[in-house]
Structure formats: structure tokens, C-alpha cells
C-alpha atoms as a PDB file:
ATOM      1  CA  MET A   1      10.243  43.008  55.764  1.00  0.00           C
ATOM      2  CA  SER A   2       9.598  46.494  57.238  1.00  0.00           C
ATOM      3  CA  SER A   3      11.697  49.382  56.333  1.00  0.00           C
ATOM      4  CA  CYS A   4      13.023  49.435  59.879  1.00  0.00           C
ATOM      5  CA  SER A   5      14.327  45.947  59.702  1.00  0.00           C
ATOM      6  CA  ARG A   6      16.000  46.249  56.267  1.00  0.00           C
ATOM      7  CA  PRO A   7      19.741  46.239  56.375  1.00  0.00           C
ATOM      8  CA  ILE A   8      21.252  49.683  55.403  1.00  0.00           C
ATOM      9  CA  ALA A   9      23.774  49.872  52.488  1.00  0.00           C
ATOM     10  CA  LEU A  10      25.865  52.917  52.364  1.00  0.00           C
ATOM     11  CA  VAL A  11      26.928  53.886  48.776  1.00  0.00           C
ATOM     12  CA  THR A  12      29.604  56.470  48.118  1.00  0.00           C
ATOM     13  CA  GLY A  13      29.578  57.849  44.497  1.00  0.00           C
ATOM     14  CA  ALA A  14      25.871  56.951  44.533  1.00  0.00           C
ATOM     15  CA  ASN A  15      25.036  59.360  41.814  1.00  0.00           C
ATOM     16  CA  GLY A  16      27.802  58.214  39.517  1.00  0.00           C
ATOM     17  CA  PHE A  17      27.800  55.802  36.575  1.00  0.00           C
ATOM     18  CA  VAL A  18      28.272  52.643  38.590  1.00  0.00           C
ATOM     19  CA  GLY A  19      26.322  53.899  41.581  1.00  0.00           C
ATOM     20  CA  THR A  20      23.130  54.398  39.651  1.00  0.00           C
ATOM     21  CA  ALA A  21      23.337  50.797  38.332  1.00  0.00           C
ATOM     22  CA  LEU A  22      24.252  49.403  41.743  1.00  0.00           C
ATOM     23  CA  ILE A  23      21.464  51.074  43.780  1.00  0.00           C
ATOM     24  CA  PRO A  24      18.490  49.258  42.172  1.00  0.00           C
ATOM     25  CA  GLN A  25      20.240  45.954  42.576  1.00  0.00           C
ATOM     26  CA  LEU A  26      20.930  46.554  46.266  1.00  0.00           C
ATOM     27  CA  LYS A  27      17.267  47.493  46.798  1.00  0.00           C
ATOM     28  CA  ALA A  28      16.129  44.432  44.965  1.00  0.00           C
ATOM     29  CA  ARG A  29      18.182  42.435  47.451  1.00  0.00           C
ATOM     30  CA  GLY A  30      16.353  44.033  50.317  1.00  0.00           C
ATOM     31  CA  TYR A  31      18.702  46.841  51.376  1.00  0.00           C
ATOM     32  CA  ARG A  32      17.712  50.294  52.395  1.00  0.00           C
ATOM     33  CA  VAL A  33      20.152  52.498  50.365  1.00  0.00           C
ATOM     34  CA  ARG A  34      21.918  55.543  52.083  1.00  0.00           C
ATOM     35  CA  ALA A  35      23.756  57.673  49.541  1.00  0.00           C
ATOM     36  CA  ALA A  36      26.823  59.625  50.658  1.00  0.00           C
ATOM     37  CA  LEU A  37      26.773  62.862  48.599  1.00  0.00           C
ATOM     38  CA  ARG A  38      28.872  65.918  48.177  1.00  0.00           C
ATOM     39  CA  GLN A  39      25.787  68.011  48.191  1.00  0.00           C
ATOM     40  CA  PRO A  40      21.989  67.442  48.595  1.00  0.00           C
ATOM     41  CA  ARG A  41      20.144  66.094  45.505  1.00  0.00           C
ATOM     42  CA  PRO A  42      17.331  63.806  44.758  1.00  0.00           C
ATOM     43  CA  GLY A  43      17.958  60.244  43.580  1.00  0.00           C
ATOM     44  CA  PRO A  44      16.828  56.595  43.613  1.00  0.00           C
ATOM     45  CA  TRP A  45      18.222  56.110  47.175  1.00  0.00           C
ATOM     46  CA  ASP A  46      16.057  55.784  50.302  1.00  0.00           C
ATOM     47  CA  GLU A  47      17.973  58.388  52.307  1.00  0.00           C
ATOM     48  CA  SER A  48      21.129  60.496  51.930  1.00  0.00           C
ATOM     49  CA  VAL A  49      23.748  62.096  53.934  1.00  0.00           C
ATOM     50  CA  VAL A  50      26.054  65.012  52.779  1.00  0.00           C
ATOM     51  CA  VAL A  51      29.779  64.401  53.383  1.00  0.00           C
ATOM     52  CA  GLY A  52      30.970  67.350  51.389  1.00  0.00           C
ATOM     53  CA  ASP A  53      34.008  67.800  49.203  1.00  0.00           C
ATOM     54  CA  LEU A  54      36.280  64.723  49.183  1.00  0.00           C
ATOM     55  CA  ASN A  55      39.226  66.875  48.617  1.00  0.00           C
ATOM     56  CA  LEU A  56      38.845  67.800  52.338  1.00  0.00           C
ATOM     57  CA  PRO A  57      38.799  65.601  55.414  1.00  0.00           C
ATOM     58  CA  VAL A  58      35.475  63.888  55.935  1.00  0.00           C
ATOM     59  CA  ASP A  59      33.780  63.140  59.186  1.00  0.00           C
ATOM     60  CA  TRP A  60      32.066  59.870  58.217  1.00  0.00           C
ATOM     61  CA  ARG A  61      30.447  58.900  61.583  1.00  0.00           C
ATOM     62  CA  VAL A  62      26.945  60.105  60.691  1.00  0.00           C
ATOM     63  CA  ALA A  63      27.164  58.382  57.284  1.00  0.00           C
ATOM     64  CA  VAL A  64      28.209  54.958  58.795  1.00  0.00           C
ATOM     65  CA  SER A  65      25.829  54.980  61.731  1.00  0.00           C
ATOM     66  CA  GLY A  66      23.652  51.798  61.744  1.00  0.00           C
ATOM     67  CA  VAL A  67      25.114  50.708  58.342  1.00  0.00           C
ATOM     68  CA  ASP A  68      25.321  46.974  57.551  1.00  0.00           C
ATOM     69  CA  ALA A  69      27.669  47.161  54.504  1.00  0.00           C
ATOM     70  CA  ILE A  70      29.400  49.907  52.489  1.00  0.00           C
ATOM     71  CA  TRP A  71      30.081  50.016  48.745  1.00  0.00           C
ATOM     72  CA  HIS A  72      32.762  52.570  48.381  1.00  0.00           C
ATOM     73  CA  LEU A  73      32.647  53.869  44.672  1.00  0.00           C
ATOM     74  CA  ALA A  74      33.567  57.461  45.120  1.00  0.00           C
ATOM     75  CA  ALA A  75      36.984  58.516  43.649  1.00  0.00           C
ATOM     76  CA  ARG A  76      38.931  61.061  41.791  1.00  0.00           C
ATOM     77  CA  VAL A  77      39.045  59.319  38.467  1.00  0.00           C
ATOM     78  CA  HIS A  78      41.641  59.135  35.694  1.00  0.00           C
ATOM     79  CA  VAL A  79      41.588  62.217  33.462  1.00  0.00           C
ATOM     80  CA  MET A  80      42.978  62.753  30.053  1.00  0.00           C
ATOM     81  CA  GLN A  81      43.841  66.460  30.554  1.00  0.00           C
ATOM     82  CA  GLU A  82      45.283  66.675  34.138  1.00  0.00           C
ATOM     83  CA  SER A  83      45.202  70.234  35.540  1.00  0.00           C
ATOM     84  CA  GLU A  84      46.896  69.626  38.999  1.00  0.00           C
ATOM     85  CA  ARG A  85      50.472  70.575  39.390  1.00  0.00           C
ATOM     86  CA  ASP A  86      50.834  67.447  41.628  1.00  0.00           C
ATOM     87  CA  PRO A  87      48.547  64.897  40.294  1.00  0.00           C
ATOM     88  CA  LEU A  88      49.674  62.104  42.720  1.00  0.00           C
ATOM     89  CA  ALA A  89      48.974  64.332  45.686  1.00  0.00           C
ATOM     90  CA  ALA A  90      45.488  65.206  44.255  1.00  0.00           C
ATOM     91  CA  PHE A  91      44.630  61.517  43.766  1.00  0.00           C
ATOM     92  CA  ARG A  92      45.901  60.577  47.228  1.00  0.00           C
ATOM     93  CA  ARG A  93      43.769  63.217  48.891  1.00  0.00           C
ATOM     94  CA  VAL A  94      40.538  61.712  47.608  1.00  0.00           C
ATOM     95  CA  ASN A  95      41.367  58.083  46.824  1.00  0.00           C
ATOM     96  CA  VAL A  96      43.677  57.179  49.733  1.00  0.00           C
ATOM     97  CA  ALA A  97      42.989  59.637  52.680  1.00  0.00           C
ATOM     98  CA  ARG A  98      39.181  59.540  52.438  1.00  0.00           C
ATOM     99  CA  THR A  99      39.095  55.806  52.082  1.00  0.00           C
ATOM    100  CA  ALA A 100      41.288  55.391  55.068  1.00  0.00           C
ATOM    101  CA  GLU A 101      39.010  57.633  56.953  1.00  0.00           C
ATOM    102  CA  LEU A 102      35.933  55.880  55.938  1.00  0.00           C
ATOM    103  CA  CYS A 103      37.439  52.557  56.920  1.00  0.00           C
ATOM    104  CA  ALA A 104      38.308  53.811  60.320  1.00  0.00           C
ATOM    105  CA  ALA A 105      34.800  55.095  60.849  1.00  0.00           C
ATOM    106  CA  ALA A 106      33.250  51.819  59.577  1.00  0.00           C
ATOM    107  CA  ALA A 107      35.407  49.749  61.924  1.00  0.00           C
ATOM    108  CA  ALA A 108      34.298  51.949  64.834  1.00  0.00           C
ATOM    109  CA  ALA A 109      30.604  51.619  63.941  1.00  0.00           C
ATOM    110  CA  GLY A 110      30.799  47.849  63.579  1.00  0.00           C
ATOM    111  CA  VAL A 111      30.057  47.831  59.780  1.00  0.00           C
ATOM    112  CA  ARG A 112      29.800  44.197  58.618  1.00  0.00           C
ATOM    113  CA  ARG A 113      31.468  44.596  55.117  1.00  0.00           C
ATOM    114  CA  LEU A 114      33.204  47.165  52.967  1.00  0.00           C
ATOM    115  CA  VAL A 115      33.403  46.605  49.265  1.00  0.00           C
ATOM    116  CA  TYR A 116      35.909  48.826  47.473  1.00  0.00           C
ATOM    117  CA  LEU A 117      35.857  49.489  43.817  1.00  0.00           C
ATOM    118  CA  SER A 118      39.352  49.755  42.510  1.00  0.00           C
ATOM    119  CA  SER A 119      40.764  49.548  38.945  1.00  0.00           C
ATOM    120  CA  VAL A 120      42.577  47.050  36.817  1.00  0.00           C
ATOM    121  CA  LYS A 121      45.030  49.786  36.106  1.00  0.00           C
ATOM    122  CA  VAL A 122      46.545  48.573  39.414  1.00  0.00           C
ATOM    123  CA  ASN A 123      47.722  45.539  37.476  1.00  0.00           C
ATOM    124  CA  GLY A 124      49.063  47.516  34.633  1.00  0.00           C
ATOM    125  CA  GLU A 125      48.089  48.927  31.221  1.00  0.00           C
ATOM    126  CA  SER A 126      48.360  45.846  29.129  1.00  0.00           C
ATOM    127  CA  SER A 127      48.599  42.061  29.688  1.00  0.00           C
ATOM    128  CA  ALA A 128      51.025  39.773  27.876  1.00  0.00           C
ATOM    129  CA  PRO A 129      49.601  37.504  25.188  1.00  0.00           C
ATOM    130  CA  GLU A 130      47.888  34.361  26.759  1.00  0.00           C
ATOM    131  CA  HIS A 131      48.665  35.638  30.209  1.00  0.00           C
ATOM    132  CA  PRO A 132      45.529  37.471  31.665  1.00  0.00           C
ATOM    133  CA  PHE A 133      46.079  39.693  34.711  1.00  0.00           C
ATOM    134  CA  ARG A 134      45.325  37.799  37.869  1.00  0.00           C
ATOM    135  CA  PRO A 135      44.567  39.191  41.365  1.00  0.00           C
ATOM    136  CA  GLU A 136      47.701  37.624  42.759  1.00  0.00           C
ATOM    137  CA  ASP A 137      50.031  39.256  40.118  1.00  0.00           C
ATOM    138  CA  PRO A 138      52.556  41.855  41.427  1.00  0.00           C
ATOM    139  CA  PRO A 139      50.949  45.250  41.015  1.00  0.00           C
ATOM    140  CA  ALA A 140      52.312  47.436  38.247  1.00  0.00           C
ATOM    141  CA  PRO A 141      50.577  50.865  38.278  1.00  0.00           C
ATOM    142  CA  THR A 142      51.956  53.246  35.656  1.00  0.00           C
ATOM    143  CA  ASP A 143      50.193  56.487  36.457  1.00  0.00           C
ATOM    144  CA  PRO A 144      49.176  58.554  39.588  1.00  0.00           C
ATOM    145  CA  TYR A 145      45.665  57.392  39.421  1.00  0.00           C
ATOM    146  CA  ALA A 146      46.550  53.724  39.477  1.00  0.00           C
ATOM    147  CA  VAL A 147      49.147  54.273  42.290  1.00  0.00           C
ATOM    148  CA  SER A 148      46.481  55.934  44.433  1.00  0.00           C
ATOM    149  CA  LYS A 149      44.014  53.135  43.800  1.00  0.00           C
ATOM    150  CA  LEU A 150      46.678  50.548  44.890  1.00  0.00           C
ATOM    151  CA  GLU A 151      47.404  52.537  47.966  1.00  0.00           C
ATOM    152  CA  ALA A 152      43.695  52.811  48.743  1.00  0.00           C
ATOM    153  CA  GLU A 153      43.431  49.015  48.352  1.00  0.00           C
ATOM    154  CA  ALA A 154      46.044  48.559  51.058  1.00  0.00           C
ATOM    155  CA  ALA A 155      44.150  50.905  53.395  1.00  0.00           C
ATOM    156  CA  VAL A 156      41.133  48.932  52.933  1.00  0.00           C
ATOM    157  CA  LEU A 157      42.553  45.458  53.236  1.00  0.00           C
ATOM    158  CA  THR A 158      44.568  46.395  56.352  1.00  0.00           C
ATOM    159  CA  SER A 159      41.669  48.122  58.101  1.00  0.00           C
ATOM    160  CA  CYS A 160      39.855  46.624  61.042  1.00  0.00           C
ATOM    161  CA  VAL A 161      36.643  45.869  58.959  1.00  0.00           C
ATOM    162  CA  ASP A 162      35.996  42.895  56.723  1.00  0.00           C
ATOM    163  CA  ALA A 163      36.730  44.256  53.280  1.00  0.00           C
ATOM    164  CA  VAL A 164      36.824  43.185  49.688  1.00  0.00           C
ATOM    165  CA  VAL A 165      38.465  44.784  46.557  1.00  0.00           C
ATOM    166  CA  LEU A 166      37.119  44.553  42.998  1.00  0.00           C
ATOM    167  CA  ARG A 167      39.378  45.688  40.020  1.00  0.00           C
ATOM    168  CA  PRO A 168      37.221  46.290  36.796  1.00  0.00           C
ATOM    169  CA  PRO A 169      38.547  47.001  33.313  1.00  0.00           C
ATOM    170  CA  LEU A 170      36.641  49.462  31.118  1.00  0.00           C
ATOM    171  CA  VAL A 171      33.138  49.820  32.198  1.00  0.00           C
ATOM    172  CA  TYR A 172      30.409  50.496  29.635  1.00  0.00           C
ATOM    173  CA  GLY A 173      26.624  50.625  29.691  1.00  0.00           C
ATOM    174  CA  PRO A 174      23.696  53.008  29.457  1.00  0.00           C
ATOM    175  CA  GLY A 175      24.953  56.466  30.145  1.00  0.00           C
ATOM    176  CA  VAL A 176      28.669  55.726  29.382  1.00  0.00           C
ATOM    177  CA  GLY A 177      30.802  58.595  28.486  1.00  0.00           C
ATOM    178  CA  ALA A 178      34.327  59.336  27.351  1.00  0.00           C
ATOM    179  CA  ASN A 179      35.901  57.109  24.549  1.00  0.00           C
ATOM    180  CA  PHE A 180      33.154  54.517  24.574  1.00  0.00           C
ATOM    181  CA  ALA A 181      30.433  57.172  23.786  1.00  0.00           C
ATOM    182  CA  ARG A 182      32.671  58.532  21.136  1.00  0.00           C
ATOM    183  CA  LEU A 183      33.016  55.136  19.567  1.00  0.00           C
ATOM    184  CA  LEU A 184      29.242  54.693  19.572  1.00  0.00           C
ATOM    185  CA  HIS A 185      28.907  58.079  17.724  1.00  0.00           C
ATOM    186  CA  LEU A 186      31.418  57.223  15.118  1.00  0.00           C
ATOM    187  CA  VAL A 187      29.893  53.835  14.258  1.00  0.00           C
ATOM    188  CA  ARG A 188      26.399  55.291  14.213  1.00  0.00           C
ATOM    189  CA  LYS A 189      27.433  58.083  11.857  1.00  0.00           C
ATOM    190  CA  GLY A 190      29.137  55.590   9.551  1.00  0.00           C
ATOM    191  CA  TYR A 191      32.657  56.928   9.812  1.00  0.00           C
ATOM    192  CA  TRP A 192      35.497  54.718   8.324  1.00  0.00           C
ATOM    193  CA  LEU A 193      37.891  53.679  11.037  1.00  0.00           C
ATOM    194  CA  PRO A 194      41.520  52.747  10.361  1.00  0.00           C
ATOM    195  CA  LEU A 195      41.406  49.801  12.941  1.00  0.00           C
ATOM    196  CA  GLY A 196      40.541  46.774  10.862  1.00  0.00           C
ATOM    197  CA  ALA A 197      44.032  45.108  11.093  1.00  0.00           C
ATOM    198  CA  ILE A 198      44.368  45.184  14.916  1.00  0.00           C
ATOM    199  CA  GLN A 199      44.752  41.768  16.491  1.00  0.00           C
ATOM    200  CA  ASN A 200      44.439  42.294  20.202  1.00  0.00           C
ATOM    201  CA  ARG A 201      42.275  40.954  23.097  1.00  0.00           C
ATOM    202  CA  ARG A 202      40.547  43.278  25.541  1.00  0.00           C
ATOM    203  CA  ASP A 203      38.265  42.629  28.435  1.00  0.00           C
ATOM    204  CA  LEU A 204      35.400  44.969  29.295  1.00  0.00           C
ATOM    205  CA  VAL A 205      32.683  44.816  31.826  1.00  0.00           C
ATOM    206  CA  PHE A 206      29.022  45.908  31.496  1.00  0.00           C
ATOM    207  CA  VAL A 207      27.861  47.966  34.384  1.00  0.00           C
ATOM    208  CA  GLY A 208      24.964  45.604  35.105  1.00  0.00           C
ATOM    209  CA  ASN A 209      27.383  42.710  35.428  1.00  0.00           C
ATOM    210  CA  LEU A 210      29.649  44.891  37.607  1.00  0.00           C
ATOM    211  CA  ALA A 211      26.773  45.951  39.884  1.00  0.00           C
ATOM    212  CA  ASP A 212      25.699  42.258  40.330  1.00  0.00           C
ATOM    213  CA  ALA A 213      29.191  41.177  41.305  1.00  0.00           C
ATOM    214  CA  LEU A 214      29.517  44.147  43.687  1.00  0.00           C
ATOM    215  CA  CYS A 215      26.277  42.949  45.404  1.00  0.00           C
ATOM    216  CA  LEU A 216      27.737  39.520  45.719  1.00  0.00           C
ATOM    217  CA  LEU A 217      30.897  40.715  47.199  1.00  0.00           C
ATOM    218  CA  GLY A 218      29.057  42.548  49.887  1.00  0.00           C
ATOM    219  CA  GLU A 219      27.554  39.223  51.017  1.00  0.00           C
ATOM    220  CA  HIS A 220      29.607  36.213  50.225  1.00  0.00           C
ATOM    221  CA  PRO A 221      31.486  34.863  53.259  1.00  0.00           C
ATOM    222  CA  ASP A 222      34.515  33.685  51.142  1.00  0.00           C
ATOM    223  CA  ALA A 223      35.117  37.115  49.682  1.00  0.00           C
ATOM    224  CA  VAL A 224      36.467  38.754  52.810  1.00  0.00           C
ATOM    225  CA  GLY A 225      40.101  39.973  52.560  1.00  0.00           C
ATOM    226  CA  LYS A 226      40.465  39.225  48.918  1.00  0.00           C
ATOM    227  CA  VAL A 227      41.016  41.035  45.644  1.00  0.00           C
ATOM    228  CA  PHE A 228      38.892  40.113  42.565  1.00  0.00           C
ATOM    229  CA  LEU A 229      39.016  40.878  38.838  1.00  0.00           C
ATOM    230  CA  ILE A 230      35.951  41.087  36.792  1.00  0.00           C
ATOM    231  CA  SER A 231      34.922  41.176  33.089  1.00  0.00           C
ATOM    232  CA  ASP A 232      32.042  40.007  30.943  1.00  0.00           C
ATOM    233  CA  GLY A 233      34.088  36.987  30.187  1.00  0.00           C
ATOM    234  CA  GLU A 234      34.167  37.629  26.468  1.00  0.00           C
ATOM    235  CA  PRO A 235      37.357  39.379  25.405  1.00  0.00           C
ATOM    236  CA  LEU A 236      37.215  41.145  21.990  1.00  0.00           C
ATOM    237  CA  SER A 237      39.583  42.611  19.754  1.00  0.00           C
ATOM    238  CA  THR A 238      39.189  46.257  18.812  1.00  0.00           C
ATOM    239  CA  PRO A 239      37.841  45.423  15.343  1.00  0.00           C
ATOM    240  CA  ALA A 240      35.420  42.829  16.915  1.00  0.00           C
ATOM    241  CA  LEU A 241      34.218  45.359  19.456  1.00  0.00           C
ATOM    242  CA  ILE A 242      33.496  47.814  16.743  1.00  0.00           C
ATOM    243  CA  ARG A 243      31.572  45.233  14.647  1.00  0.00           C
ATOM    244  CA  ALA A 244      29.649  44.237  17.609  1.00  0.00           C
ATOM    245  CA  VAL A 245      28.646  47.866  18.276  1.00  0.00           C
ATOM    246  CA  GLY A 246      27.629  48.088  14.591  1.00  0.00           C
ATOM    247  CA  ASN A 247      25.476  44.980  14.986  1.00  0.00           C
ATOM    248  CA  ALA A 248      23.862  46.472  18.111  1.00  0.00           C
ATOM    249  CA  LEU A 249      23.099  49.634  16.083  1.00  0.00           C
ATOM    250  CA  GLY A 250      21.800  47.677  13.137  1.00  0.00           C
ATOM    251  CA  ARG A 251      24.353  49.019  10.792  1.00  0.00           C
ATOM    252  CA  SER A 252      27.654  47.981   9.288  1.00  0.00           C
ATOM    253  CA  ALA A 253      30.931  49.021  10.912  1.00  0.00           C
ATOM    254  CA  HIS A 254      33.397  50.475   8.297  1.00  0.00           C
ATOM    255  CA  LEU A 255      36.973  49.294   9.058  1.00  0.00           C
ATOM    256  CA  ILE A 256      40.064  50.065   7.021  1.00  0.00           C
ATOM    257  CA  PRO A 257      43.011  47.556   7.744  1.00  0.00           C
ATOM    258  CA  VAL A 258      45.824  49.989   8.474  1.00  0.00           C
ATOM    259  CA  PRO A 259      48.912  48.257   9.846  1.00  0.00           C
ATOM    260  CA  PRO A 260      49.059  48.526  13.592  1.00  0.00           C
ATOM    261  CA  LYS A 261      52.780  49.837  13.480  1.00  0.00           C
ATOM    262  CA  VAL A 262      51.641  52.759  11.255  1.00  0.00           C
ATOM    263  CA  LEU A 263      48.738  53.533  13.602  1.00  0.00           C
ATOM    264  CA  ARG A 264      51.075  53.469  16.694  1.00  0.00           C
ATOM    265  CA  GLY A 265      53.616  55.768  14.906  1.00  0.00           C
ATOM    266  CA  VAL A 266      50.943  58.299  13.975  1.00  0.00           C
ATOM    267  CA  LEU A 267      49.248  58.345  17.407  1.00  0.00           C
ATOM    268  CA  THR A 268      52.715  58.622  19.027  1.00  0.00           C
ATOM    269  CA  LEU A 269      53.623  61.589  16.845  1.00  0.00           C
ATOM    270  CA  CYS A 270      50.312  63.202  17.937  1.00  0.00           C
ATOM    271  CA  GLY A 271      51.199  62.691  21.597  1.00  0.00           C
ATOM    272  CA  LYS A 272      48.573  60.043  22.084  1.00  0.00           C
ATOM    273  CA  GLU A 273      50.620  57.031  23.243  1.00  0.00           C
ATOM    274  CA  ALA A 274      48.112  56.081  25.841  1.00  0.00           C
ATOM    275  CA  GLU A 275      45.350  56.002  23.327  1.00  0.00           C
ATOM    276  CA  ALA A 276      47.523  53.798  21.050  1.00  0.00           C
ATOM    277  CA  ASP A 277      48.016  51.337  23.888  1.00  0.00           C
ATOM    278  CA  ARG A 278      44.324  51.119  24.514  1.00  0.00           C
ATOM    279  CA  LEU A 279      43.521  50.635  20.867  1.00  0.00           C
ATOM    280  CA  LEU A 280      46.324  48.339  20.035  1.00  0.00           C
ATOM    281  CA  GLY A 281      47.271  46.527  23.204  1.00  0.00           C
ATOM    282  CA  SER A 282      45.697  43.732  24.893  1.00  0.00           C
ATOM    283  CA  LEU A 283      44.136  43.734  28.383  1.00  0.00           C
ATOM    284  CA  GLU A 284      42.645  40.382  29.462  1.00  0.00           C
ATOM    285  CA  VAL A 285      41.803  39.516  33.114  1.00  0.00           C
ATOM    286  CA  ASP A 286      41.402  36.155  34.840  1.00  0.00           C
ATOM    287  CA  ILE A 287      37.959  36.101  36.606  1.00  0.00           C
ATOM    288  CA  SER A 288      38.187  32.504  37.909  1.00  0.00           C
ATOM    289  CA  ALA A 289      38.379  33.827  41.525  1.00  0.00           C
ATOM    290  CA  LEU A 290      34.924  35.192  40.974  1.00  0.00           C
ATOM    291  CA  THR A 291      33.530  32.421  38.829  1.00  0.00           C
ATOM    292  CA  HIS A 292      34.998  29.306  40.424  1.00  0.00           C
ATOM    293  CA  GLY A 293      35.745  30.663  43.803  1.00  0.00           C
ATOM    294  CA  LEU A 294      32.415  32.498  44.452  1.00  0.00           C
ATOM    295  CA  GLY A 295      30.067  30.947  41.776  1.00  0.00           C
ATOM    296  CA  TRP A 296      29.521  34.249  40.026  1.00  0.00           C
ATOM    297  CA  ARG A 297      28.411  34.245  36.255  1.00  0.00           C
ATOM    298  CA  PRO A 298      27.857  37.355  34.210  1.00  0.00           C
ATOM    299  CA  ARG A 299      24.173  38.079  34.186  1.00  0.00           C
ATOM    300  CA  TYR A 300      24.396  39.784  30.680  1.00  0.00           C
ATOM    301  CA  THR A 301      26.155  38.700  27.502  1.00  0.00           C
ATOM    302  CA  VAL A 302      28.126  41.293  25.563  1.00  0.00           C
ATOM    303  CA  LYS A 303      25.438  41.128  22.888  1.00  0.00           C
ATOM    304  CA  GLU A 304      22.737  41.920  25.415  1.00  0.00           C
ATOM    305  CA  ALA A 305      24.916  44.551  27.027  1.00  0.00           C
ATOM    306  CA  LEU A 306      25.752  46.399  23.943  1.00  0.00           C
ATOM    307  CA  ALA A 307      22.006  46.380  22.864  1.00  0.00           C
ATOM    308  CA  ALA A 308      21.077  47.964  26.151  1.00  0.00           C
ATOM    309  CA  THR A 309      23.950  50.530  25.849  1.00  0.00           C
ATOM    310  CA  VAL A 310      23.116  51.687  22.308  1.00  0.00           C
ATOM    311  CA  ALA A 311      19.457  51.828  23.177  1.00  0.00           C
ATOM    312  CA  ALA A 312      20.218  54.434  25.791  1.00  0.00           C
ATOM    313  CA  HIS A 313      22.294  56.705  23.531  1.00  0.00           C
END
């Protein structure tokens, strides 16, 4: 297939954590990848277009010209230390307004498919025991970021372009930052962690599995107009995750069985209630719409994914 006849995939957020994993898979499927960037920079894409600061209105016409499908990953992400006076307005500027503009431009340009990367936080912060989140559950966003992602989903699904929404839980893999990178550091250094008594179940998704599913959603005819949840299909408790990280590092994880109520009390006193929820609560997702509905299966096991993650850190 010549470069001129290859379908063009537009990827926003192309230089981000998910984008850098997605682009090689798109290219392997025969796409010519066009990156939408805030400023010029080299990368693994075939071509790029500068769209500027997403806090300001964007003219997407050049970016979407001739495009077959769009993977919209760019977003203002959830932050622990918010600096904006009106966080919801800040999230809406980037996550809702820019998404609506992109959808309108895509429809006008005749783009075949738009895949929107949302967040499981649209469903809520924690799932009930033995009741994983499902795509059809009533949304229950609890913070401005999640509210903005829900509103962006509505903009996507009501636009005049064939669209799909994917809600991942915590994404990890080579290059991961934030709390997951901190966990890798603590286990690698042999710190004792007071998390041995936690009995929860949390779903994660490896960035390679996420990228694989994103590719599928850009092509499968039965995906249009639907919302999907994704995970590695192997929910883990917090202690089980730590032990799995230790195994991947080739060293023992040191866990102290502190009662969860004590942990929650200490973290709450320190103003870290959200962190307590992540460490102690459960968050499971039902991925049957992907697996049974579209025939998707995780390409990588958790063991393989953690080995790749720790090898890169």
C-alpha cells in the first residue's frame, strides 16, 4: 500500500502517555498518523499539525482534512493540587468545548469514525462489592474532571459523526508517572508498606491493552454510538498488586497488616480522603461489551504488563 493510499488517523494528545503507545499500533494497522500538537515537535507520527493551546478555541479544519478516523486523547487531566479558582470551568474549556469543536469539524469533513478516550470516573470513584461498573449504569461523577468527561461524552455521542467512547480505569505501563511510579519506587527500595490487610478489588489497564482496544473501536462496525469500559480483566487487591510489582522487580514486597479502618482514619486526618478511597476501596468494571460484544481480548496479561512496566523504570 503506498503512503498516498493509506488511511489517515488523527491523534490528539499524540505525545502523551497513551498516544505514544497508540501510534505504533495504528501504524502497524496501515494508518498514516497525523498528530495534533500544541507546538511543533518531533515524534513517531508521519505528519503533524499545530492546533495550539486547548484552553483557547481551536480551528480544527486543517487537522481533520482528509482524515479517515480520529482518536481524541487530549484532555485537561485530573490533578491532585488544583490551582484554578474555578476548576469545572477550566476542565470544560479543554475537555468539553474543544471536543465539541473537533466533532463539528470532523462531521463537516466527512470523517468516518471518532474514538473518544473518557474515564471510568464518569461511573464513580468506587464500585459496590460484586457489582462492577457497567457502561449502562447511571453516571455518578464526583469531581469537576469527571463531570467534564461526562459532558464531553455527550458532545461526542450527539454529534453528526460516528463516534465511540471508551472509559479506562487507572492506566499503567512504560513511562507511567504519578502514584503508580511512586509505588514502583517504594517496592524497589524495599520500604515496608502498611497495606497488607486491605481486601479490595481494583481493575487496571495496561497501556498496550488500552491502545489495542482503541484501535479496534476505530474500526469495528458494531462499536458506533456506544460506551465501553476496559481493563486487563484481572482485578487485584491493593496487597496483590504490590506483591505482583515485587515479583516483576524480582524482590519481595514488604507488607504490614494495618487494619483498613486505622489507615482510613490516619489518611483522613491528613486530608487524603481521595487517596484512602483509591487504596482501600474497590473499583471493578464489566468489560463484557468489549469481550463478548466485539470479540476483544487483552493482548497482555498483568504479569507481562508489569514486567514491561518495571523494565522501563
